[in-house]
Amino acid sequence: MTYSWLLFDADGTLFDYDQAEATALEQAFAEVGTAFEPAHLNAYREINTRVWREFEAGRITAERLRLQRFELLFETLGRSLIPAEFSPVYLHHLARASQLIEGAREIVPALCAKYRLALITNGLRDVQRPRLAGSAIRDCFKEVIISEEIGAAKPDPAIFDAAFERLGRPQRAEVLLVGDSLTSDIAGGRRYGLDTCWFNPTGAARAADATSTYEIRHLSELARLLL
């Protein structure tokens, strides 16, 4: 298949969100003057995953997500911190974390020379735009589609509708979606009629119905598929 557009997910696909999240959380605890322990990160990740699933399912808003995850975290930890004060501190540090997944710095510019690239993310606008701007791949994307700005999140077809408007309404067969999430990226892209490439660095198993056009373990494998 010949593609004209490559539609990339951001966190966990191009950006090392795990590292960014860990660093930002520790920095935020330090800034508010509260001791940070490794167990806090584990608790936060479990809670944050649940809250993001609620958001992706359309059951909560992005604004509610910002507070709910810290309400649940501080309740779990027995801390008296104020979520409305802590969340902006955390997001400030997260927005400055532009670490890339191994291989992204090399493969994205190489693909940019042959294809038009766009970013489609369920992240928050005041985090994703600064992170992209501070990264080595900032000039490679012709369009950036952020769920909070659109009012819909992957896998909702509405965010893909908005993306295709930005892309100039290409044929769906001309667009390949690359992402690490089976539930938001791959399922959303497949339902929209797109070819999909599942980035699966850990070799995770998947359900029989969670199909994708391609599967890769390292971003460098995109060279074999697309260059």
C-alpha atoms as a PDB file:
ATOM      1  CA  MET A   1       0.000   0.000   0.000  1.00  0.00           C
ATOM      2  CA  THR A   2       1.229   3.496  -0.846  1.00  0.00           C
ATOM      3  CA  TYR A   3       0.535   6.029   1.907  1.00  0.00           C
ATOM      4  CA  SER A   4       0.566   9.800   1.648  1.00  0.00           C
ATOM      5  CA  TRP A   5       0.005  10.496   5.362  1.00  0.00           C
ATOM      6  CA  LEU A   6       1.373   8.866   8.511  1.00  0.00           C
ATOM      7  CA  LEU A   7      -0.751   9.579  11.569  1.00  0.00           C
ATOM      8  CA  PHE A   8       1.264   9.077  14.766  1.00  0.00           C
ATOM      9  CA  ASP A   9       0.149   8.758  18.355  1.00  0.00           C
ATOM     10  CA  ALA A  10       2.345  10.716  20.773  1.00  0.00           C
ATOM     11  CA  ASP A  11       2.725   9.227  24.256  1.00  0.00           C
ATOM     12  CA  GLY A  12       4.131   5.726  24.378  1.00  0.00           C
ATOM     13  CA  THR A  13       4.716   5.775  20.618  1.00  0.00           C
ATOM     14  CA  LEU A  14       7.090   8.673  20.000  1.00  0.00           C
ATOM     15  CA  PHE A  15       7.425  10.243  23.446  1.00  0.00           C
ATOM     16  CA  ASP A  16       8.686   8.311  26.461  1.00  0.00           C
ATOM     17  CA  TYR A  17       5.707   9.025  28.678  1.00  0.00           C
ATOM     18  CA  ASP A  18       6.768   6.651  31.448  1.00  0.00           C
ATOM     19  CA  GLN A  19       9.998   8.554  31.997  1.00  0.00           C
ATOM     20  CA  ALA A  20       8.301  11.942  31.672  1.00  0.00           C
ATOM     21  CA  GLU A  21       5.551  10.966  34.098  1.00  0.00           C
ATOM     22  CA  ALA A  22       7.972   9.651  36.733  1.00  0.00           C
ATOM     23  CA  THR A  23      10.187  12.725  36.574  1.00  0.00           C
ATOM     24  CA  ALA A  24       7.287  15.190  36.610  1.00  0.00           C
ATOM     25  CA  LEU A  25       5.574  13.532  39.563  1.00  0.00           C
ATOM     26  CA  GLU A  26       8.742  13.504  41.660  1.00  0.00           C
ATOM     27  CA  GLN A  27       9.456  17.140  40.778  1.00  0.00           C
ATOM     28  CA  ALA A  28       5.901  18.154  41.643  1.00  0.00           C
ATOM     29  CA  PHE A  29       6.058  16.484  45.060  1.00  0.00           C
ATOM     30  CA  ALA A  30       9.377  18.223  45.717  1.00  0.00           C
ATOM     31  CA  GLU A  31       7.969  21.601  44.679  1.00  0.00           C
ATOM     32  CA  VAL A  32       5.030  21.356  47.093  1.00  0.00           C
ATOM     33  CA  GLY A  33       7.366  20.227  49.855  1.00  0.00           C
ATOM     34  CA  THR A  34       6.140  16.656  50.258  1.00  0.00           C
ATOM     35  CA  ALA A  35       8.337  13.569  50.436  1.00  0.00           C
ATOM     36  CA  PHE A  36       8.157  11.360  47.347  1.00  0.00           C
ATOM     37  CA  GLU A  37       8.407   7.571  47.442  1.00  0.00           C
ATOM     38  CA  PRO A  38       8.565   5.076  44.534  1.00  0.00           C
ATOM     39  CA  ALA A  39       5.277   3.566  45.723  1.00  0.00           C
ATOM     40  CA  HIS A  40       3.592   6.903  44.977  1.00  0.00           C
ATOM     41  CA  LEU A  41       4.438   6.510  41.297  1.00  0.00           C
ATOM     42  CA  ASN A  42       3.004   2.999  41.168  1.00  0.00           C
ATOM     43  CA  ALA A  43      -0.216   4.159  42.803  1.00  0.00           C
ATOM     44  CA  TYR A  44      -0.478   7.137  40.479  1.00  0.00           C
ATOM     45  CA  ARG A  45       0.019   5.050  37.359  1.00  0.00           C
ATOM     46  CA  GLU A  46      -2.713   2.620  38.318  1.00  0.00           C
ATOM     47  CA  ILE A  47      -5.130   5.456  39.088  1.00  0.00           C
ATOM     48  CA  ASN A  48      -4.159   7.523  36.054  1.00  0.00           C
ATOM     49  CA  THR A  49      -4.715   4.566  33.722  1.00  0.00           C
ATOM     50  CA  ARG A  50      -8.237   4.090  35.084  1.00  0.00           C
ATOM     51  CA  VAL A  51      -9.058   7.782  34.821  1.00  0.00           C
ATOM     52  CA  TRP A  52      -7.770   8.043  31.248  1.00  0.00           C
ATOM     53  CA  ARG A  53      -9.950   5.079  30.274  1.00  0.00           C
ATOM     54  CA  GLU A  54     -12.922   6.970  31.664  1.00  0.00           C
ATOM     55  CA  PHE A  55     -11.909   9.951  29.557  1.00  0.00           C
ATOM     56  CA  GLU A  56     -11.424   7.885  26.392  1.00  0.00           C
ATOM     57  CA  ALA A  57     -14.861   6.363  26.934  1.00  0.00           C
ATOM     58  CA  GLY A  58     -16.349   9.859  27.082  1.00  0.00           C
ATOM     59  CA  ARG A  59     -17.502   9.531  30.689  1.00  0.00           C
ATOM     60  CA  ILE A  60     -15.448  12.432  32.058  1.00  0.00           C
ATOM     61  CA  THR A  61     -14.066  15.654  30.585  1.00  0.00           C
ATOM     62  CA  ALA A  62     -10.414  16.643  30.244  1.00  0.00           C
ATOM     63  CA  GLU A  63     -10.920  19.235  32.975  1.00  0.00           C
ATOM     64  CA  ARG A  64     -12.330  16.608  35.315  1.00  0.00           C
ATOM     65  CA  LEU A  65      -9.462  14.257  34.495  1.00  0.00           C
ATOM     66  CA  ARG A  66      -6.933  16.871  35.625  1.00  0.00           C
ATOM     67  CA  LEU A  67      -8.335  16.818  39.166  1.00  0.00           C
ATOM     68  CA  GLN A  68      -9.849  13.367  39.597  1.00  0.00           C
ATOM     69  CA  ARG A  69      -6.593  11.462  39.281  1.00  0.00           C
ATOM     70  CA  PHE A  70      -5.016  13.492  42.076  1.00  0.00           C
ATOM     71  CA  GLU A  71      -8.139  13.363  44.234  1.00  0.00           C
ATOM     72  CA  LEU A  72      -7.940   9.578  44.069  1.00  0.00           C
ATOM     73  CA  LEU A  73      -4.170   9.524  44.537  1.00  0.00           C
ATOM     74  CA  PHE A  74      -4.135  11.698  47.658  1.00  0.00           C
ATOM     75  CA  GLU A  75      -7.047   9.735  49.099  1.00  0.00           C
ATOM     76  CA  THR A  76      -5.115   6.510  48.500  1.00  0.00           C
ATOM     77  CA  LEU A  77      -1.917   7.921  50.015  1.00  0.00           C
ATOM     78  CA  GLY A  78      -3.702   9.583  52.916  1.00  0.00           C
ATOM     79  CA  ARG A  79      -2.245  12.968  51.992  1.00  0.00           C
ATOM     80  CA  SER A  80      -3.988  16.304  52.545  1.00  0.00           C
ATOM     81  CA  LEU A  81      -2.653  17.915  49.365  1.00  0.00           C
ATOM     82  CA  ILE A  82      -5.082  19.984  47.279  1.00  0.00           C
ATOM     83  CA  PRO A  83      -5.584  18.536  43.767  1.00  0.00           C
ATOM     84  CA  ALA A  84      -6.479  21.914  42.218  1.00  0.00           C
ATOM     85  CA  GLU A  85      -3.132  23.290  43.404  1.00  0.00           C
ATOM     86  CA  PHE A  86      -1.039  20.192  42.703  1.00  0.00           C
ATOM     87  CA  SER A  87      -2.279  19.473  39.179  1.00  0.00           C
ATOM     88  CA  PRO A  88      -0.899  22.661  37.547  1.00  0.00           C
ATOM     89  CA  VAL A  89       2.481  22.041  39.176  1.00  0.00           C
ATOM     90  CA  TYR A  90       2.598  18.494  37.836  1.00  0.00           C
ATOM     91  CA  LEU A  91       1.483  19.578  34.356  1.00  0.00           C
ATOM     92  CA  HIS A  92       4.129  22.317  34.305  1.00  0.00           C
ATOM     93  CA  HIS A  93       6.880  19.756  34.836  1.00  0.00           C
ATOM     94  CA  LEU A  94       5.290  17.237  32.465  1.00  0.00           C
ATOM     95  CA  ALA A  95       5.136  19.852  29.696  1.00  0.00           C
ATOM     96  CA  ARG A  96       8.906  20.261  29.913  1.00  0.00           C
ATOM     97  CA  ALA A  97       9.603  16.529  29.495  1.00  0.00           C
ATOM     98  CA  SER A  98      10.293  15.882  25.808  1.00  0.00           C
ATOM     99  CA  GLN A  99      12.153  12.586  26.073  1.00  0.00           C
ATOM    100  CA  LEU A 100      11.688  10.420  22.991  1.00  0.00           C
ATOM    101  CA  ILE A 101      11.211   6.685  22.605  1.00  0.00           C
ATOM    102  CA  GLU A 102      14.357   4.968  21.335  1.00  0.00           C
ATOM    103  CA  GLY A 103      14.545   5.293  17.580  1.00  0.00           C
ATOM    104  CA  ALA A 104      12.102   8.217  17.227  1.00  0.00           C
ATOM    105  CA  ARG A 105      14.824  10.822  16.763  1.00  0.00           C
ATOM    106  CA  GLU A 106      16.145   8.907  13.727  1.00  0.00           C
ATOM    107  CA  ILE A 107      13.057   7.433  12.058  1.00  0.00           C
ATOM    108  CA  VAL A 108      10.687  10.414  12.235  1.00  0.00           C
ATOM    109  CA  PRO A 109      12.869  12.809  10.177  1.00  0.00           C
ATOM    110  CA  ALA A 110      13.564   9.998   7.692  1.00  0.00           C
ATOM    111  CA  LEU A 111       9.836   9.398   7.243  1.00  0.00           C
ATOM    112  CA  CYS A 112       9.195  13.139   7.076  1.00  0.00           C
ATOM    113  CA  ALA A 113      11.340  13.303   3.949  1.00  0.00           C
ATOM    114  CA  LYS A 114       8.978  10.910   2.132  1.00  0.00           C
ATOM    115  CA  TYR A 115       5.547  11.306   3.768  1.00  0.00           C
ATOM    116  CA  ARG A 116       3.385  13.960   5.338  1.00  0.00           C
ATOM    117  CA  LEU A 117       3.243  13.397   9.089  1.00  0.00           C
ATOM    118  CA  ALA A 118       0.578  14.331  11.627  1.00  0.00           C
ATOM    119  CA  LEU A 119       0.293  13.801  15.365  1.00  0.00           C
ATOM    120  CA  ILE A 120      -2.985  12.687  16.946  1.00  0.00           C
ATOM    121  CA  THR A 121      -3.034  12.525  20.721  1.00  0.00           C
ATOM    122  CA  ASN A 122      -5.448  12.158  23.609  1.00  0.00           C
ATOM    123  CA  GLY A 123      -3.168  14.319  25.728  1.00  0.00           C
ATOM    124  CA  LEU A 124      -3.809  17.737  27.234  1.00  0.00           C
ATOM    125  CA  ARG A 125      -3.071  20.795  25.101  1.00  0.00           C
ATOM    126  CA  ASP A 126      -0.957  22.615  27.698  1.00  0.00           C
ATOM    127  CA  VAL A 127       1.260  19.540  27.979  1.00  0.00           C
ATOM    128  CA  GLN A 128       1.468  18.205  24.431  1.00  0.00           C
ATOM    129  CA  ARG A 129       2.231  21.398  22.547  1.00  0.00           C
ATOM    130  CA  PRO A 130       5.172  22.435  24.786  1.00  0.00           C
ATOM    131  CA  ARG A 131       6.528  18.878  24.791  1.00  0.00           C
ATOM    132  CA  LEU A 132       6.486  18.721  21.011  1.00  0.00           C
ATOM    133  CA  ALA A 133       7.976  22.212  20.719  1.00  0.00           C
ATOM    134  CA  GLY A 134      10.860  21.186  22.974  1.00  0.00           C
ATOM    135  CA  SER A 135      11.618  17.962  21.127  1.00  0.00           C
ATOM    136  CA  ALA A 136      14.059  17.088  18.364  1.00  0.00           C
ATOM    137  CA  ILE A 137      11.175  16.130  16.038  1.00  0.00           C
ATOM    138  CA  ARG A 138       9.156  19.334  16.419  1.00  0.00           C
ATOM    139  CA  ASP A 139       9.477  20.378  12.759  1.00  0.00           C
ATOM    140  CA  CYS A 140       8.386  17.039  11.287  1.00  0.00           C
ATOM    141  CA  PHE A 141       4.607  17.326  11.729  1.00  0.00           C
ATOM    142  CA  LYS A 142       2.348  19.245   9.398  1.00  0.00           C
ATOM    143  CA  GLU A 143      -0.652  18.890  11.709  1.00  0.00           C
ATOM    144  CA  VAL A 144      -1.151  18.296  15.439  1.00  0.00           C
ATOM    145  CA  ILE A 145      -4.562  17.061  16.559  1.00  0.00           C
ATOM    146  CA  ILE A 146      -5.158  17.139  20.327  1.00  0.00           C
ATOM    147  CA  SER A 147      -8.273  15.595  21.839  1.00  0.00           C
ATOM    148  CA  GLU A 148      -8.823  18.398  24.360  1.00  0.00           C
ATOM    149  CA  GLU A 149      -8.918  20.954  21.544  1.00  0.00           C
ATOM    150  CA  ILE A 150     -11.247  18.819  19.413  1.00  0.00           C
ATOM    151  CA  GLY A 151     -13.627  17.791  22.182  1.00  0.00           C
ATOM    152  CA  ALA A 152     -13.345  14.082  21.364  1.00  0.00           C
ATOM    153  CA  ALA A 153     -10.725  11.445  22.129  1.00  0.00           C
ATOM    154  CA  LYS A 154      -9.529   8.320  20.366  1.00  0.00           C
ATOM    155  CA  PRO A 155     -11.178   5.900  19.604  1.00  0.00           C
ATOM    156  CA  ASP A 156     -14.145   8.247  18.973  1.00  0.00           C
ATOM    157  CA  PRO A 157     -14.571   8.717  15.200  1.00  0.00           C
ATOM    158  CA  ALA A 158     -15.098  12.446  15.811  1.00  0.00           C
ATOM    159  CA  ILE A 159     -11.404  13.024  16.452  1.00  0.00           C
ATOM    160  CA  PHE A 160     -10.563  11.223  13.225  1.00  0.00           C
ATOM    161  CA  ASP A 161     -13.127  13.327  11.384  1.00  0.00           C
ATOM    162  CA  ALA A 162     -11.387  16.433  12.692  1.00  0.00           C
ATOM    163  CA  ALA A 163      -7.988  15.050  11.764  1.00  0.00           C
ATOM    164  CA  PHE A 164      -9.053  14.292   8.200  1.00  0.00           C
ATOM    165  CA  GLU A 165     -10.366  17.825   7.806  1.00  0.00           C
ATOM    166  CA  ARG A 166      -6.936  19.116   8.835  1.00  0.00           C
ATOM    167  CA  LEU A 167      -5.233  16.680   6.469  1.00  0.00           C
ATOM    168  CA  GLY A 168      -7.279  17.878   3.502  1.00  0.00           C
ATOM    169  CA  ARG A 169      -9.629  14.889   3.376  1.00  0.00           C
ATOM    170  CA  PRO A 170      -7.289  12.264   1.911  1.00  0.00           C
ATOM    171  CA  GLN A 171      -8.544   8.821   0.956  1.00  0.00           C
ATOM    172  CA  ARG A 172      -8.549   6.626   4.058  1.00  0.00           C
ATOM    173  CA  ALA A 173      -6.496   4.024   2.199  1.00  0.00           C
ATOM    174  CA  GLU A 174      -3.729   6.625   1.916  1.00  0.00           C
ATOM    175  CA  VAL A 175      -3.353   7.051   5.695  1.00  0.00           C
ATOM    176  CA  LEU A 176      -1.487   4.769   8.097  1.00  0.00           C
ATOM    177  CA  LEU A 177      -2.003   5.169  11.852  1.00  0.00           C
ATOM    178  CA  VAL A 178       0.890   4.225  14.160  1.00  0.00           C
ATOM    179  CA  GLY A 179       0.222   3.845  17.882  1.00  0.00           C
ATOM    180  CA  ASP A 180       0.867   1.787  20.981  1.00  0.00           C
ATOM    181  CA  SER A 181      -2.661   1.516  22.392  1.00  0.00           C
ATOM    182  CA  LEU A 182      -4.882  -1.277  21.152  1.00  0.00           C
ATOM    183  CA  THR A 183      -7.988   0.337  22.636  1.00  0.00           C
ATOM    184  CA  SER A 184      -7.569   3.944  21.497  1.00  0.00           C
ATOM    185  CA  ASP A 185      -5.144   3.940  18.554  1.00  0.00           C
ATOM    186  CA  ILE A 186      -5.537   0.597  16.835  1.00  0.00           C
ATOM    187  CA  ALA A 187      -9.237   0.027  17.551  1.00  0.00           C
ATOM    188  CA  GLY A 188     -10.067   3.627  16.669  1.00  0.00           C
ATOM    189  CA  GLY A 189      -8.070   3.583  13.465  1.00  0.00           C
ATOM    190  CA  ARG A 190      -9.427   0.219  12.384  1.00  0.00           C
ATOM    191  CA  ARG A 191     -13.035   1.271  12.964  1.00  0.00           C
ATOM    192  CA  TYR A 192     -12.395   4.380  10.899  1.00  0.00           C
ATOM    193  CA  GLY A 193     -11.185   2.279   7.995  1.00  0.00           C
ATOM    194  CA  LEU A 194      -7.467   2.987   8.321  1.00  0.00           C
ATOM    195  CA  ASP A 195      -4.489   0.698   8.054  1.00  0.00           C
ATOM    196  CA  THR A 196      -2.839   0.529  11.476  1.00  0.00           C
ATOM    197  CA  CYS A 197       0.599  -0.282  12.837  1.00  0.00           C
ATOM    198  CA  TRP A 198       0.717  -1.451  16.439  1.00  0.00           C
ATOM    199  CA  PHE A 199       3.880  -0.389  18.248  1.00  0.00           C
ATOM    200  CA  ASN A 200       4.303  -3.188  20.788  1.00  0.00           C
ATOM    201  CA  PRO A 201       7.762  -2.795  22.364  1.00  0.00           C
ATOM    202  CA  THR A 202       7.116  -5.252  25.207  1.00  0.00           C
ATOM    203  CA  GLY A 203       5.706  -8.019  23.046  1.00  0.00           C
ATOM    204  CA  ALA A 204       2.378  -7.888  24.854  1.00  0.00           C
ATOM    205  CA  ALA A 205      -0.309 -10.396  23.942  1.00  0.00           C
ATOM    206  CA  ARG A 206      -3.558  -9.236  22.387  1.00  0.00           C
ATOM    207  CA  ALA A 207      -7.053 -10.523  21.947  1.00  0.00           C
ATOM    208  CA  ALA A 208      -7.836 -12.348  18.720  1.00  0.00           C
ATOM    209  CA  ASP A 209     -10.123  -9.529  17.559  1.00  0.00           C
ATOM    210  CA  ALA A 210      -7.545  -6.788  18.233  1.00  0.00           C
ATOM    211  CA  THR A 211      -6.095  -6.924  14.742  1.00  0.00           C
ATOM    212  CA  SER A 212      -3.733  -4.460  13.106  1.00  0.00           C
ATOM    213  CA  THR A 213      -2.277  -4.264   9.622  1.00  0.00           C
ATOM    214  CA  TYR A 214       1.289  -4.312  10.945  1.00  0.00           C
ATOM    215  CA  GLU A 215       3.015  -4.879  14.272  1.00  0.00           C
ATOM    216  CA  ILE A 216       6.468  -3.667  15.269  1.00  0.00           C
ATOM    217  CA  ARG A 217       8.605  -3.977  18.381  1.00  0.00           C
ATOM    218  CA  HIS A 218      11.003  -1.095  17.609  1.00  0.00           C
ATOM    219  CA  LEU A 219      10.402   2.151  15.748  1.00  0.00           C
ATOM    220  CA  SER A 220      13.325   1.404  13.443  1.00  0.00           C
ATOM    221  CA  GLU A 221      11.191  -1.333  11.891  1.00  0.00           C
ATOM    222  CA  LEU A 222       9.144   1.390  10.211  1.00  0.00           C
ATOM    223  CA  ALA A 223      12.072   1.819   7.828  1.00  0.00           C
ATOM    224  CA  ARG A 224      11.557  -1.705   6.518  1.00  0.00           C
ATOM    225  CA  LEU A 225       7.828  -1.117   6.082  1.00  0.00           C
ATOM    226  CA  LEU A 226       7.838   2.402   4.684  1.00  0.00           C
ATOM    227  CA  LEU A 227      11.243   3.473   3.322  1.00  0.00           C
END
